[in-house]
Amino acid sequence: MTYRPNTLILLAALAVCGGAQADTLLVDRAAQKPAVAVPARGLSMGEVEARFGAPQQKLEPRGGQKQQWPTINRWVYPEFVVYFEKNRVIDVVARQADAQEAGPKPAIK
C-alpha cells in the first residue's frame, strides 16, 4: 500500500496530538460573560477601592520618574488583577480559577 506525502503528514500529526484533554483554558473562561463585576477603565484607585474593597495585595509599583515609562501599579483581588497607570485603571486581567485551569501563574511578590 502506498501513501501520498500529505497523508503521511496528516497521520503523523494525528499521532502526536494524542487523546482529547478536558482542561479548562483561562482564555475560554475569560471569553464568557464575567461571573463577577470588574473595574472599568478610567476609574481612580479610590473609586476601585470604594467599589471592590481593599485588594488582597498591592504589588510594588514599576516604572516611574527615573525611567521613561509611567508608574504602573498592580492590585491583586481574588478573581482579577487591576493594572493602574499612575492613578487610573488601564486594564483588568482574570486570575487562574484553580489548579486544573491552564493560565497565568500567580503574581510573585
PDB file of N, CA and C in Angstrom:
ATOM      1  N   MET A   1       0.844  -1.165   0.000  1.00  0.00           N
ATOM      2  CA  MET A   1       0.000   0.000   0.000  1.00  0.00           C
ATOM      3  C   MET A   1       0.894   1.234   0.000  1.00  0.00           C
ATOM      4  N   THR A   2       0.586   2.183  -0.870  1.00  0.00           N
ATOM      5  CA  THR A   2       1.391   3.408  -0.926  1.00  0.00           C
ATOM      6  C   THR A   2       0.568   4.574  -0.403  1.00  0.00           C
ATOM      7  N   TYR A   3       1.254   5.468   0.313  1.00  0.00           N
ATOM      8  CA  TYR A   3       0.619   6.671   0.856  1.00  0.00           C
ATOM      9  C   TYR A   3       1.218   7.887   0.192  1.00  0.00           C
ATOM     10  N   ARG A   4       0.393   8.866  -0.050  1.00  0.00           N
ATOM     11  CA  ARG A   4       0.888  10.131  -0.570  1.00  0.00           C
ATOM     12  C   ARG A   4       1.544  10.890   0.574  1.00  0.00           C
ATOM     13  N   PRO A   5       2.485  11.783   0.304  1.00  0.00           N
ATOM     14  CA  PRO A   5       3.184  12.527   1.360  1.00  0.00           C
ATOM     15  C   PRO A   5       2.234  13.315   2.271  1.00  0.00           C
ATOM     16  N   ASN A   6       1.183  13.900   1.717  1.00  0.00           N
ATOM     17  CA  ASN A   6       0.237  14.668   2.548  1.00  0.00           C
ATOM     18  C   ASN A   6      -0.477  13.771   3.547  1.00  0.00           C
ATOM     19  N   THR A   7      -0.801  12.557   3.146  1.00  0.00           N
ATOM     20  CA  THR A   7      -1.473  11.614   4.028  1.00  0.00           C
ATOM     21  C   THR A   7      -0.560  11.223   5.179  1.00  0.00           C
ATOM     22  N   LEU A   8       0.722  11.010   4.893  1.00  0.00           N
ATOM     23  CA  LEU A   8       1.683  10.654   5.936  1.00  0.00           C
ATOM     24  C   LEU A   8       1.834  11.789   6.951  1.00  0.00           C
ATOM     25  N   ILE A   9       1.868  13.004   6.464  1.00  0.00           N
ATOM     26  CA  ILE A   9       1.978  14.166   7.361  1.00  0.00           C
ATOM     27  C   ILE A   9       0.747  14.251   8.246  1.00  0.00           C
ATOM     28  N   LEU A  10      -0.426  14.051   7.685  1.00  0.00           N
ATOM     29  CA  LEU A  10      -1.672  14.086   8.456  1.00  0.00           C
ATOM     30  C   LEU A  10      -1.690  12.992   9.518  1.00  0.00           C
ATOM     31  N   LEU A  11      -1.299  11.786   9.157  1.00  0.00           N
ATOM     32  CA  LEU A  11      -1.257  10.678  10.113  1.00  0.00           C
ATOM     33  C   LEU A  11      -0.257  10.956  11.237  1.00  0.00           C
ATOM     34  N   ALA A  12       0.884  11.514  10.909  1.00  0.00           N
ATOM     35  CA  ALA A  12       1.889  11.837  11.927  1.00  0.00           C
ATOM     36  C   ALA A  12       1.357  12.916  12.871  1.00  0.00           C
ATOM     37  N   ALA A  13       0.670  13.924  12.347  1.00  0.00           N
ATOM     38  CA  ALA A  13       0.102  14.992  13.182  1.00  0.00           C
ATOM     39  C   ALA A  13      -0.958  14.438  14.118  1.00  0.00           C
ATOM     40  N   LEU A  14      -1.798  13.552  13.631  1.00  0.00           N
ATOM     41  CA  LEU A  14      -2.824  12.946  14.483  1.00  0.00           C
ATOM     42  C   LEU A  14      -2.210  12.082  15.575  1.00  0.00           C
ATOM     43  N   ALA A  15      -1.137  11.389  15.273  1.00  0.00           N
ATOM     44  CA  ALA A  15      -0.477  10.547  16.268  1.00  0.00           C
ATOM     45  C   ALA A  15       0.139  11.384  17.378  1.00  0.00           C
ATOM     46  N   VAL A  16       0.684  12.533  17.017  1.00  0.00           N
ATOM     47  CA  VAL A  16       1.306  13.413  18.010  1.00  0.00           C
ATOM     48  C   VAL A  16       0.259  14.052  18.910  1.00  0.00           C
ATOM     49  N   CYS A  17      -0.905  14.368  18.371  1.00  0.00           N
ATOM     50  CA  CYS A  17      -1.949  15.055  19.139  1.00  0.00           C
ATOM     51  C   CYS A  17      -2.451  14.231  20.307  1.00  0.00           C
ATOM     52  N   GLY A  18      -2.527  12.952  20.183  1.00  0.00           N
ATOM     53  CA  GLY A  18      -2.984  12.094  21.274  1.00  0.00           C
ATOM     54  C   GLY A  18      -4.465  12.272  21.546  1.00  0.00           C
ATOM     55  N   GLY A  19      -4.874  11.915  22.776  1.00  0.00           N
ATOM     56  CA  GLY A  19      -6.283  11.973  23.162  1.00  0.00           C
ATOM     57  C   GLY A  19      -6.734  13.378  23.480  1.00  0.00           C
ATOM     58  N   ALA A  20      -8.010  13.529  23.588  1.00  0.00           N
ATOM     59  CA  ALA A  20      -8.599  14.831  23.915  1.00  0.00           C
ATOM     60  C   ALA A  20      -8.347  15.166  25.377  1.00  0.00           C
ATOM     61  N   GLN A  21      -8.122  16.418  25.672  1.00  0.00           N
ATOM     62  CA  GLN A  21      -7.890  16.899  27.027  1.00  0.00           C
ATOM     63  C   GLN A  21      -9.143  17.603  27.526  1.00  0.00           C
ATOM     64  N   ALA A  22      -9.388  17.542  28.827  1.00  0.00           N
ATOM     65  CA  ALA A  22     -10.564  18.178  29.405  1.00  0.00           C
ATOM     66  C   ALA A  22     -10.199  19.410  30.215  1.00  0.00           C
ATOM     67  N   ASP A  23      -8.981  19.936  30.032  1.00  0.00           N
ATOM     68  CA  ASP A  23      -8.557  21.123  30.777  1.00  0.00           C
ATOM     69  C   ASP A  23      -9.375  22.335  30.352  1.00  0.00           C
ATOM     70  N   THR A  24      -9.659  23.190  31.309  1.00  0.00           N
ATOM     71  CA  THR A  24     -10.324  24.453  31.015  1.00  0.00           C
ATOM     72  C   THR A  24      -9.248  25.503  30.808  1.00  0.00           C
ATOM     73  N   LEU A  25      -9.318  26.221  29.728  1.00  0.00           N
ATOM     74  CA  LEU A  25      -8.354  27.280  29.474  1.00  0.00           C
ATOM     75  C   LEU A  25      -8.875  28.591  30.039  1.00  0.00           C
ATOM     76  N   LEU A  26      -7.971  29.375  30.597  1.00  0.00           N
ATOM     77  CA  LEU A  26      -8.329  30.691  31.107  1.00  0.00           C
ATOM     78  C   LEU A  26      -8.920  31.549  29.995  1.00  0.00           C
ATOM     79  N   VAL A  27      -8.401  31.393  28.786  1.00  0.00           N
ATOM     80  CA  VAL A  27      -8.896  32.166  27.650  1.00  0.00           C
ATOM     81  C   VAL A  27     -10.370  31.856  27.405  1.00  0.00           C
ATOM     82  N   ASP A  28     -10.757  30.579  27.510  1.00  0.00           N
ATOM     83  CA  ASP A  28     -12.153  30.196  27.312  1.00  0.00           C
ATOM     84  C   ASP A  28     -13.049  30.829  28.369  1.00  0.00           C
ATOM     85  N   ARG A  29     -12.602  30.778  29.631  1.00  0.00           N
ATOM     86  CA  ARG A  29     -13.403  31.358  30.717  1.00  0.00           C
ATOM     87  C   ARG A  29     -13.495  32.877  30.575  1.00  0.00           C
ATOM     88  N   ALA A  30     -12.403  33.500  30.165  1.00  0.00           N
ATOM     89  CA  ALA A  30     -12.393  34.954  30.031  1.00  0.00           C
ATOM     90  C   ALA A  30     -13.307  35.421  28.893  1.00  0.00           C
ATOM     91  N   ALA A  31     -13.487  34.574  27.873  1.00  0.00           N
ATOM     92  CA  ALA A  31     -14.347  34.931  26.748  1.00  0.00           C
ATOM     93  C   ALA A  31     -15.823  34.887  27.120  1.00  0.00           C
ATOM     94  N   GLN A  32     -16.148  34.132  28.159  1.00  0.00           N
ATOM     95  CA  GLN A  32     -17.535  34.048  28.605  1.00  0.00           C
ATOM     96  C   GLN A  32     -17.896  35.318  29.374  1.00  0.00           C
ATOM     97  N   LYS A  33     -19.183  35.484  29.647  1.00  0.00           N
ATOM     98  CA  LYS A  33     -19.631  36.622  30.440  1.00  0.00           C
ATOM     99  C   LYS A  33     -18.984  36.539  31.823  1.00  0.00           C
ATOM    100  N   PRO A  34     -18.390  37.629  32.313  1.00  0.00           N
ATOM    101  CA  PRO A  34     -17.731  37.580  33.611  1.00  0.00           C
ATOM    102  C   PRO A  34     -18.696  37.199  34.737  1.00  0.00           C
ATOM    103  N   ALA A  35     -18.231  36.335  35.643  1.00  0.00           N
ATOM    104  CA  ALA A  35     -19.048  35.902  36.776  1.00  0.00           C
ATOM    105  C   ALA A  35     -19.123  36.994  37.844  1.00  0.00           C
ATOM    106  N   VAL A  36     -18.118  37.852  37.866  1.00  0.00           N
ATOM    107  CA  VAL A  36     -18.080  38.941  38.849  1.00  0.00           C
ATOM    108  C   VAL A  36     -17.871  40.263  38.113  1.00  0.00           C
ATOM    109  N   ALA A  37     -18.302  41.336  38.730  1.00  0.00           N
ATOM    110  CA  ALA A  37     -18.063  42.662  38.158  1.00  0.00           C
ATOM    111  C   ALA A  37     -16.580  42.988  38.298  1.00  0.00           C
ATOM    112  N   VAL A  38     -16.054  43.689  37.334  1.00  0.00           N
ATOM    113  CA  VAL A  38     -14.651  44.113  37.371  1.00  0.00           C
ATOM    114  C   VAL A  38     -14.583  45.617  37.181  1.00  0.00           C
ATOM    115  N   PRO A  39     -13.506  46.251  37.655  1.00  0.00           N
ATOM    116  CA  PRO A  39     -13.374  47.697  37.488  1.00  0.00           C
ATOM    117  C   PRO A  39     -13.297  48.100  36.014  1.00  0.00           C
ATOM    118  N   ALA A  40     -13.894  49.220  35.692  1.00  0.00           N
ATOM    119  CA  ALA A  40     -13.873  49.737  34.326  1.00  0.00           C
ATOM    120  C   ALA A  40     -12.632  50.594  34.122  1.00  0.00           C
ATOM    121  N   ARG A  41     -12.182  50.661  32.883  1.00  0.00           N
ATOM    122  CA  ARG A  41     -11.048  51.530  32.553  1.00  0.00           C
ATOM    123  C   ARG A  41     -11.373  52.972  32.920  1.00  0.00           C
ATOM    124  N   GLY A  42     -10.361  53.641  33.442  1.00  0.00           N
ATOM    125  CA  GLY A  42     -10.510  55.056  33.763  1.00  0.00           C
ATOM    126  C   GLY A  42     -10.882  55.332  35.206  1.00  0.00           C
ATOM    127  N   LEU A  43     -11.317  54.316  35.963  1.00  0.00           N
ATOM    128  CA  LEU A  43     -11.630  54.544  37.372  1.00  0.00           C
ATOM    129  C   LEU A  43     -10.354  54.870  38.139  1.00  0.00           C
ATOM    130  N   SER A  44     -10.485  55.692  39.164  1.00  0.00           N
ATOM    131  CA  SER A  44      -9.327  56.014  40.001  1.00  0.00           C
ATOM    132  C   SER A  44      -9.106  54.914  41.027  1.00  0.00           C
ATOM    133  N   MET A  45      -7.946  54.942  41.669  1.00  0.00           N
ATOM    134  CA  MET A  45      -7.647  53.952  42.712  1.00  0.00           C
ATOM    135  C   MET A  45      -8.672  54.038  43.839  1.00  0.00           C
ATOM    136  N   GLY A  46      -9.041  55.247  44.216  1.00  0.00           N
ATOM    137  CA  GLY A  46     -10.027  55.437  45.277  1.00  0.00           C
ATOM    138  C   GLY A  46     -11.380  54.861  44.917  1.00  0.00           C
ATOM    139  N   GLU A  47     -11.808  55.054  43.661  1.00  0.00           N
ATOM    140  CA  GLU A  47     -13.091  54.513  43.212  1.00  0.00           C
ATOM    141  C   GLU A  47     -13.073  52.983  43.206  1.00  0.00           C
ATOM    142  N   VAL A  48     -11.948  52.391  42.778  1.00  0.00           N
ATOM    143  CA  VAL A  48     -11.834  50.932  42.762  1.00  0.00           C
ATOM    144  C   VAL A  48     -11.915  50.397  44.189  1.00  0.00           C
ATOM    145  N   GLU A  49     -11.184  51.007  45.106  1.00  0.00           N
ATOM    146  CA  GLU A  49     -11.193  50.531  46.485  1.00  0.00           C
ATOM    147  C   GLU A  49     -12.567  50.722  47.130  1.00  0.00           C
ATOM    148  N   ALA A  50     -13.264  51.815  46.781  1.00  0.00           N
ATOM    149  CA  ALA A  50     -14.600  52.052  47.336  1.00  0.00           C
ATOM    150  C   ALA A  50     -15.610  51.016  46.827  1.00  0.00           C
ATOM    151  N   ARG A  51     -15.503  50.628  45.564  1.00  0.00           N
ATOM    152  CA  ARG A  51     -16.468  49.693  44.968  1.00  0.00           C
ATOM    153  C   ARG A  51     -16.138  48.229  45.222  1.00  0.00           C
ATOM    154  N   PHE A  52     -14.842  47.880  45.270  1.00  0.00           N
ATOM    155  CA  PHE A  52     -14.439  46.481  45.340  1.00  0.00           C
ATOM    156  C   PHE A  52     -13.737  46.114  46.643  1.00  0.00           C
ATOM    157  N   GLY A  53     -13.546  47.083  47.512  1.00  0.00           N
ATOM    158  CA  GLY A  53     -12.873  46.823  48.780  1.00  0.00           C
ATOM    159  C   GLY A  53     -11.362  46.853  48.629  1.00  0.00           C
ATOM    160  N   ALA A  54     -10.694  46.621  49.734  1.00  0.00           N
ATOM    161  CA  ALA A  54      -9.235  46.609  49.731  1.00  0.00           C
ATOM    162  C   ALA A  54      -8.733  45.361  48.994  1.00  0.00           C
ATOM    163  N   PRO A  55      -7.681  45.496  48.192  1.00  0.00           N
ATOM    164  CA  PRO A  55      -7.143  44.333  47.488  1.00  0.00           C
ATOM    165  C   PRO A  55      -6.442  43.383  48.463  1.00  0.00           C
ATOM    166  N   GLN A  56      -6.293  42.138  48.042  1.00  0.00           N
ATOM    167  CA  GLN A  56      -5.535  41.167  48.831  1.00  0.00           C
ATOM    168  C   GLN A  56      -4.075  41.592  48.941  1.00  0.00           C
ATOM    169  N   GLN A  57      -3.600  42.204  47.865  1.00  0.00           N
ATOM    170  CA  GLN A  57      -2.187  42.557  47.799  1.00  0.00           C
ATOM    171  C   GLN A  57      -2.010  43.759  46.883  1.00  0.00           C
ATOM    172  N   LYS A  58      -1.151  44.684  47.288  1.00  0.00           N
ATOM    173  CA  LYS A  58      -0.738  45.806  46.438  1.00  0.00           C
ATOM    174  C   LYS A  58       0.730  45.571  46.104  1.00  0.00           C
ATOM    175  N   LEU A  59       0.987  45.239  44.852  1.00  0.00           N
ATOM    176  CA  LEU A  59       2.354  44.927  44.433  1.00  0.00           C
ATOM    177  C   LEU A  59       3.164  46.206  44.249  1.00  0.00           C
ATOM    178  N   GLU A  60       4.480  46.061  44.312  1.00  0.00           N
ATOM    179  CA  GLU A  60       5.388  47.202  44.153  1.00  0.00           C
ATOM    180  C   GLU A  60       5.155  47.884  42.803  1.00  0.00           C
ATOM    181  N   PRO A  61       5.129  49.226  42.778  1.00  0.00           N
ATOM    182  CA  PRO A  61       4.970  49.934  41.502  1.00  0.00           C
ATOM    183  C   PRO A  61       6.174  49.706  40.597  1.00  0.00           C
ATOM    184  N   ARG A  62       5.938  49.767  39.310  1.00  0.00           N
ATOM    185  CA  ARG A  62       7.001  49.640  38.304  1.00  0.00           C
ATOM    186  C   ARG A  62       7.027  50.902  37.459  1.00  0.00           C
ATOM    187  N   GLY A  63       8.203  51.231  36.900  1.00  0.00           N
ATOM    188  CA  GLY A  63       8.341  52.434  36.093  1.00  0.00           C
ATOM    189  C   GLY A  63       8.569  53.631  36.994  1.00  0.00           C
ATOM    190  N   GLY A  64       8.204  54.798  36.518  1.00  0.00           N
ATOM    191  CA  GLY A  64       8.292  55.970  37.362  1.00  0.00           C
ATOM    192  C   GLY A  64       9.240  57.031  36.852  1.00  0.00           C
ATOM    193  N   GLN A  65       9.631  57.943  37.736  1.00  0.00           N
ATOM    194  CA  GLN A  65      10.383  59.141  37.365  1.00  0.00           C
ATOM    195  C   GLN A  65      11.754  58.846  36.767  1.00  0.00           C
ATOM    196  N   LYS A  66      12.486  57.890  37.305  1.00  0.00           N
ATOM    197  CA  LYS A  66      13.831  57.616  36.811  1.00  0.00           C
ATOM    198  C   LYS A  66      13.824  56.908  35.465  1.00  0.00           C
ATOM    199  N   GLN A  67      12.692  56.366  35.092  1.00  0.00           N
ATOM    200  CA  GLN A  67      12.571  55.668  33.817  1.00  0.00           C
ATOM    201  C   GLN A  67      11.627  56.450  32.921  1.00  0.00           C
ATOM    202  N   GLN A  68      11.658  56.157  31.638  1.00  0.00           N
ATOM    203  CA  GLN A  68      10.850  56.911  30.684  1.00  0.00           C
ATOM    204  C   GLN A  68       9.389  56.494  30.659  1.00  0.00           C
ATOM    205  N   TRP A  69       9.016  55.438  31.401  1.00  0.00           N
ATOM    206  CA  TRP A  69       7.644  54.948  31.394  1.00  0.00           C
ATOM    207  C   TRP A  69       6.869  55.479  32.588  1.00  0.00           C
ATOM    208  N   PRO A  70       5.542  55.561  32.469  1.00  0.00           N
ATOM    209  CA  PRO A  70       4.739  55.985  33.620  1.00  0.00           C
ATOM    210  C   PRO A  70       4.719  54.903  34.697  1.00  0.00           C
ATOM    211  N   THR A  71       4.374  55.295  35.914  1.00  0.00           N
ATOM    212  CA  THR A  71       4.289  54.346  37.017  1.00  0.00           C
ATOM    213  C   THR A  71       3.093  53.420  36.814  1.00  0.00           C
ATOM    214  N   ILE A  72       3.329  52.114  36.926  1.00  0.00           N
ATOM    215  CA  ILE A  72       2.278  51.104  36.815  1.00  0.00           C
ATOM    216  C   ILE A  72       2.128  50.430  38.178  1.00  0.00           C
ATOM    217  N   ASN A  73       0.914  50.439  38.712  1.00  0.00           N
ATOM    218  CA  ASN A  73       0.602  49.772  39.967  1.00  0.00           C
ATOM    219  C   ASN A  73      -0.281  48.575  39.672  1.00  0.00           C
ATOM    220  N   ARG A  74      -0.136  47.501  40.482  1.00  0.00           N
ATOM    221  CA  ARG A  74      -0.961  46.303  40.325  1.00  0.00           C
ATOM    222  C   ARG A  74      -1.583  45.966  41.666  1.00  0.00           C
ATOM    223  N   TRP A  75      -2.896  45.789  41.645  1.00  0.00           N
ATOM    224  CA  TRP A  75      -3.638  45.365  42.828  1.00  0.00           C
ATOM    225  C   TRP A  75      -4.222  43.997  42.554  1.00  0.00           C
ATOM    226  N   VAL A  76      -4.023  43.078  43.486  1.00  0.00           N
ATOM    227  CA  VAL A  76      -4.474  41.702  43.330  1.00  0.00           C
ATOM    228  C   VAL A  76      -5.751  41.476  44.137  1.00  0.00           C
ATOM    229  N   TYR A  77      -6.806  41.063  43.445  1.00  0.00           N
ATOM    230  CA  TYR A  77      -8.078  40.653  44.049  1.00  0.00           C
ATOM    231  C   TYR A  77      -8.235  39.152  43.808  1.00  0.00           C
ATOM    232  N   PRO A  78      -9.157  38.473  44.502  1.00  0.00           N
ATOM    233  CA  PRO A  78      -9.293  37.015  44.320  1.00  0.00           C
ATOM    234  C   PRO A  78      -9.568  36.586  42.875  1.00  0.00           C
ATOM    235  N   GLU A  79     -10.394  37.327  42.142  1.00  0.00           N
ATOM    236  CA  GLU A  79     -10.779  36.911  40.787  1.00  0.00           C
ATOM    237  C   GLU A  79     -10.020  37.624  39.670  1.00  0.00           C
ATOM    238  N   PHE A  80      -9.332  38.730  39.982  1.00  0.00           N
ATOM    239  CA  PHE A  80      -8.677  39.500  38.936  1.00  0.00           C
ATOM    240  C   PHE A  80      -7.536  40.347  39.502  1.00  0.00           C
ATOM    241  N   VAL A  81      -6.706  40.860  38.583  1.00  0.00           N
ATOM    242  CA  VAL A  81      -5.634  41.796  38.924  1.00  0.00           C
ATOM    243  C   VAL A  81      -5.932  43.095  38.177  1.00  0.00           C
ATOM    244  N   VAL A  82      -5.860  44.217  38.894  1.00  0.00           N
ATOM    245  CA  VAL A  82      -6.129  45.529  38.297  1.00  0.00           C
ATOM    246  C   VAL A  82      -4.797  46.224  38.053  1.00  0.00           C
ATOM    247  N   TYR A  83      -4.619  46.755  36.836  1.00  0.00           N
ATOM    248  CA  TYR A  83      -3.418  47.497  36.469  1.00  0.00           C
ATOM    249  C   TYR A  83      -3.777  48.976  36.369  1.00  0.00           C
ATOM    250  N   PHE A  84      -2.994  49.798  37.057  1.00  0.00           N
ATOM    251  CA  PHE A  84      -3.196  51.243  37.046  1.00  0.00           C
ATOM    252  C   PHE A  84      -1.995  51.922  36.384  1.00  0.00           C
ATOM    253  N   GLU A  85      -2.268  52.917  35.560  1.00  0.00           N
ATOM    254  CA  GLU A  85      -1.217  53.817  35.091  1.00  0.00           C
ATOM    255  C   GLU A  85      -1.389  55.081  35.898  1.00  0.00           C
ATOM    256  N   LYS A  86      -0.374  55.393  36.671  1.00  0.00           N
ATOM    257  CA  LYS A  86      -0.453  56.464  37.666  1.00  0.00           C
ATOM    258  C   LYS A  86      -1.605  56.150  38.607  1.00  0.00           C
ATOM    259  N   ASN A  87      -2.761  56.793  38.471  1.00  0.00           N
ATOM    260  CA  ASN A  87      -3.870  56.610  39.410  1.00  0.00           C
ATOM    261  C   ASN A  87      -5.127  56.040  38.741  1.00  0.00           C
ATOM    262  N   ARG A  88      -5.046  55.676  37.451  1.00  0.00           N
ATOM    263  CA  ARG A  88      -6.239  55.256  36.704  1.00  0.00           C
ATOM    264  C   ARG A  88      -6.126  53.823  36.188  1.00  0.00           C
ATOM    265  N   VAL A  89      -7.266  53.111  36.186  1.00  0.00           N
ATOM    266  CA  VAL A  89      -7.304  51.736  35.679  1.00  0.00           C
ATOM    267  C   VAL A  89      -7.025  51.746  34.180  1.00  0.00           C
ATOM    268  N   ILE A  90      -6.063  50.902  33.771  1.00  0.00           N
ATOM    269  CA  ILE A  90      -5.800  50.744  32.334  1.00  0.00           C
ATOM    270  C   ILE A  90      -6.163  49.346  31.848  1.00  0.00           C
ATOM    271  N   ASP A  91      -6.211  48.363  32.779  1.00  0.00           N
ATOM    272  CA  ASP A  91      -6.571  47.008  32.370  1.00  0.00           C
ATOM    273  C   ASP A  91      -6.938  46.175  33.591  1.00  0.00           C
ATOM    274  N   VAL A  92      -7.728  45.131  33.355  1.00  0.00           N
ATOM    275  CA  VAL A  92      -8.092  44.162  34.386  1.00  0.00           C
ATOM    276  C   VAL A  92      -7.886  42.780  33.771  1.00  0.00           C
ATOM    277  N   VAL A  93      -7.183  41.902  34.496  1.00  0.00           N
ATOM    278  CA  VAL A  93      -6.857  40.575  33.983  1.00  0.00           C
ATOM    279  C   VAL A  93      -7.414  39.516  34.919  1.00  0.00           C
ATOM    280  N   ALA A  94      -8.127  38.522  34.357  1.00  0.00           N
ATOM    281  CA  ALA A  94      -8.678  37.416  35.155  1.00  0.00           C
ATOM    282  C   ALA A  94      -7.552  36.567  35.713  1.00  0.00           C
ATOM    283  N   ARG A  95      -7.756  36.055  36.926  1.00  0.00           N
ATOM    284  CA  ARG A  95      -6.781  35.164  37.550  1.00  0.00           C
ATOM    285  C   ARG A  95      -7.169  33.721  37.309  1.00  0.00           C
ATOM    286  N   GLN A  96      -6.223  32.819  37.449  1.00  0.00           N
ATOM    287  CA  GLN A  96      -6.452  31.384  37.307  1.00  0.00           C
ATOM    288  C   GLN A  96      -7.420  30.930  38.387  1.00  0.00           C
ATOM    289  N   ALA A  97      -8.473  30.220  38.013  1.00  0.00           N
ATOM    290  CA  ALA A  97      -9.509  29.816  38.953  1.00  0.00           C
ATOM    291  C   ALA A  97      -9.064  28.671  39.856  1.00  0.00           C
ATOM    292  N   ASP A  98      -8.401  27.660  39.296  1.00  0.00           N
ATOM    293  CA  ASP A  98      -7.966  26.524  40.096  1.00  0.00           C
ATOM    294  C   ASP A  98      -6.772  25.858  39.424  1.00  0.00           C
ATOM    295  N   ALA A  99      -6.247  24.829  40.054  1.00  0.00           N
ATOM    296  CA  ALA A  99      -5.046  24.159  39.546  1.00  0.00           C
ATOM    297  C   ALA A  99      -5.290  23.440  38.221  1.00  0.00           C
ATOM    298  N   GLN A 100      -6.544  23.099  37.917  1.00  0.00           N
ATOM    299  CA  GLN A 100      -6.860  22.386  36.672  1.00  0.00           C
ATOM    300  C   GLN A 100      -6.958  23.317  35.475  1.00  0.00           C
ATOM    301  N   GLU A 101      -7.049  24.608  35.705  1.00  0.00           N
ATOM    302  CA  GLU A 101      -7.206  25.559  34.615  1.00  0.00           C
ATOM    303  C   GLU A 101      -5.836  26.013  34.110  1.00  0.00           C
ATOM    304  N   ALA A 102      -5.634  25.964  32.827  1.00  0.00           N
ATOM    305  CA  ALA A 102      -4.374  26.407  32.237  1.00  0.00           C
ATOM    306  C   ALA A 102      -4.420  27.914  32.069  1.00  0.00           C
ATOM    307  N   GLY A 103      -3.523  28.612  32.713  1.00  0.00           N
ATOM    308  CA  GLY A 103      -3.499  30.073  32.634  1.00  0.00           C
ATOM    309  C   GLY A 103      -2.259  30.633  33.305  1.00  0.00           C
ATOM    310  N   PRO A 104      -2.221  31.920  33.561  1.00  0.00           N
ATOM    311  CA  PRO A 104      -1.017  32.531  34.135  1.00  0.00           C
ATOM    312  C   PRO A 104      -0.774  32.060  35.562  1.00  0.00           C
ATOM    313  N   LYS A 105       0.496  32.086  35.940  1.00  0.00           N
ATOM    314  CA  LYS A 105       0.865  31.711  37.296  1.00  0.00           C
ATOM    315  C   LYS A 105       0.571  32.876  38.222  1.00  0.00           C
ATOM    316  N   PRO A 106       0.362  32.612  39.532  1.00  0.00           N
ATOM    317  CA  PRO A 106       0.105  33.697  40.477  1.00  0.00           C
ATOM    318  C   PRO A 106       1.243  34.709  40.497  1.00  0.00           C
ATOM    319  N   ALA A 107       0.892  35.952  40.791  1.00  0.00           N
ATOM    320  CA  ALA A 107       1.894  37.015  40.865  1.00  0.00           C
ATOM    321  C   ALA A 107       2.843  36.740  42.023  1.00  0.00           C
ATOM    322  N   ILE A 108       4.107  37.007  41.819  1.00  0.00           N
ATOM    323  CA  ILE A 108       5.119  36.791  42.835  1.00  0.00           C
ATOM    324  C   ILE A 108       5.469  38.133  43.457  1.00  0.00           C
ATOM    325  N   LYS A 109       5.619  38.146  44.775  1.00  0.00           N
ATOM    326  CA  LYS A 109       5.980  39.389  45.479  1.00  0.00           C
ATOM    327  C   LYS A 109       7.308  39.898  45.037  1.00  0.00           C
TER     328      LYS A 109
END
